[in-house]
Amino acid sequence: MIRVQGNTYEVVEDVRGGWSEEAFKERFSEVLNRYDYIVGDWGYEQLRLKGLFEDDHKKAALDSRISFLPEYLYEYCNFGCAYFVVRKVKQPVEKPPEEAEEKQETPAGS
């Protein structure tokens, strides 16, 4: 797990040793916060990052969904390049403090 700009990500695919936490943090841009997945591919010793959405995202263009990944790698990446895919970890929704206090105040056995 890696934490960047308030979001947590997990590496779900690492091909040919493409994953570099340091390079990922250096290249990460605020615009990537909105995506569910980030693909990082290496070409000419440069890391390029591309954001992709879950397939069920209603407003995402087809070429912005994770199912587009094979085509993206084939069309836009150097043949045989090292790459990785990270997925944003959805944080559990915390209950408001009032609800948590109410549960604690309820006596046992009532």
Protein backbone atom coordinates (compact mmCIF):
# COMPACT_ATOMS: atom_id res chain seq x y z
CA MET A 1 0.00 0.00 0.00
CA ILE A 2 1.16 3.49 -0.78
CA ARG A 3 -0.32 6.79 0.29
CA VAL A 4 -0.20 9.81 -2.05
CA GLN A 5 -2.08 13.11 -1.68
CA GLY A 6 -4.55 11.64 0.81
CA ASN A 7 -5.39 8.54 -1.25
CA THR A 8 -4.22 4.99 -0.66
CA TYR A 9 -3.23 2.76 -3.57
CA GLU A 10 -2.31 -0.90 -3.88
CA VAL A 11 -0.20 -2.44 -6.62
CA VAL A 12 -2.35 -4.93 -8.52
CA GLU A 13 0.03 -5.65 -11.40
CA ASP A 14 3.81 -5.27 -11.78
CA VAL A 15 5.20 -6.37 -15.14
CA ARG A 16 8.94 -6.60 -15.79
CA GLY A 17 9.73 -4.79 -12.54
CA GLY A 18 7.96 -1.60 -13.59
CA TRP A 19 6.83 -0.59 -10.09
CA SER A 20 8.90 2.12 -8.38
CA GLU A 21 7.31 3.81 -5.39
CA GLU A 22 9.76 6.70 -5.55
CA ALA A 23 9.15 7.36 -9.27
CA PHE A 24 5.38 7.04 -8.76
CA LYS A 25 5.39 9.67 -6.02
CA GLU A 26 7.59 12.01 -8.09
CA ARG A 27 5.39 11.79 -11.20
CA PHE A 28 2.01 11.74 -9.45
CA SER A 29 -0.14 14.73 -10.32
CA GLU A 30 -3.26 16.09 -8.62
CA VAL A 31 -5.33 15.36 -11.74
CA LEU A 32 -4.88 11.60 -11.13
CA ASN A 33 -6.81 11.75 -7.84
CA ARG A 34 -10.13 11.26 -9.65
CA TYR A 35 -9.25 7.89 -11.21
CA ASP A 36 -9.82 4.40 -9.78
CA TYR A 37 -6.68 2.95 -11.41
CA ILE A 38 -3.36 4.41 -12.49
CA VAL A 39 -1.15 2.74 -15.08
CA GLY A 40 2.53 3.57 -15.09
CA ASP A 41 4.64 2.61 -18.11
CA TRP A 42 8.31 3.16 -18.82
CA GLY A 43 9.77 4.38 -22.10
CA TYR A 44 13.22 5.89 -22.63
CA GLU A 45 13.78 5.84 -18.84
CA GLN A 46 10.73 8.07 -18.31
CA LEU A 47 7.64 7.07 -16.32
CA ARG A 48 4.29 7.99 -17.82
CA LEU A 49 1.11 7.78 -15.73
CA LYS A 50 -2.43 7.36 -17.07
CA GLY A 51 -5.62 7.24 -15.04
CA LEU A 52 -8.46 4.81 -15.72
CA PHE A 53 -11.92 4.38 -14.19
CA GLU A 54 -13.79 1.25 -13.10
CA ASP A 55 -15.77 -0.32 -15.95
CA ASP A 56 -19.08 0.53 -14.27
CA HIS A 57 -18.33 4.27 -14.18
CA LYS A 58 -21.27 5.67 -16.15
CA LYS A 59 -19.69 8.90 -17.42
CA ALA A 60 -16.28 7.46 -18.37
CA ALA A 61 -15.39 7.20 -22.04
CA LEU A 62 -14.62 3.66 -23.20
CA ASP A 63 -10.92 4.48 -23.55
CA SER A 64 -10.85 5.74 -19.96
CA ARG A 65 -11.99 2.45 -18.39
CA ILE A 66 -9.80 -0.29 -16.95
CA SER A 67 -11.02 -2.76 -19.60
CA PHE A 68 -9.19 -0.53 -22.15
CA LEU A 69 -5.83 -1.42 -20.54
CA PRO A 70 -4.75 -4.08 -23.09
CA GLU A 71 -5.44 -1.71 -26.00
CA TYR A 72 -3.65 1.15 -24.22
CA LEU A 73 -0.56 -0.99 -23.68
CA TYR A 74 -0.60 -2.17 -27.29
CA GLU A 75 -1.27 1.21 -28.92
CA TYR A 76 0.56 3.72 -26.71
CA CYS A 77 3.38 1.89 -24.93
CA ASN A 78 6.72 0.64 -26.19
CA PHE A 79 6.57 -3.06 -27.05
CA GLY A 80 7.63 -5.13 -24.04
CA CYS A 81 7.89 -2.14 -21.73
CA ALA A 82 7.89 -2.44 -17.96
CA TYR A 83 4.63 -1.24 -16.45
CA PHE A 84 2.45 -1.41 -13.37
CA VAL A 85 -1.17 -0.88 -12.36
CA VAL A 86 -2.26 0.51 -8.99
CA ARG A 87 -5.83 0.60 -7.70
CA LYS A 88 -7.24 3.23 -5.38
CA VAL A 89 -8.29 1.67 -2.09
CA LYS A 90 -11.70 2.89 -1.11
CA GLN A 91 -11.73 4.05 2.49
CA PRO A 92 -14.55 2.74 4.69
CA VAL A 93 -17.20 5.34 5.38
CA GLU A 94 -16.89 6.48 8.97
CA LYS A 95 -20.05 7.01 10.96
CA PRO A 96 -20.65 10.48 12.33
CA PRO A 97 -19.44 10.86 15.95
CA GLU A 98 -23.06 11.19 17.19
CA GLU A 99 -23.95 7.67 15.96
CA ALA A 100 -20.87 6.14 17.54
CA GLU A 101 -21.67 7.81 20.89
CA GLU A 102 -25.30 6.59 20.81
CA LYS A 103 -24.17 2.97 20.44
CA GLN A 104 -21.77 3.31 23.38
CA GLU A 105 -24.45 4.82 25.65
CA THR A 106 -26.99 2.01 25.07
CA PRO A 107 -26.87 -0.23 28.18
CA ALA A 108 -26.22 -3.92 27.61
CA GLY A 109 -29.24 -6.22 27.85
CA SER A 110 -31.86 -3.52 27.13
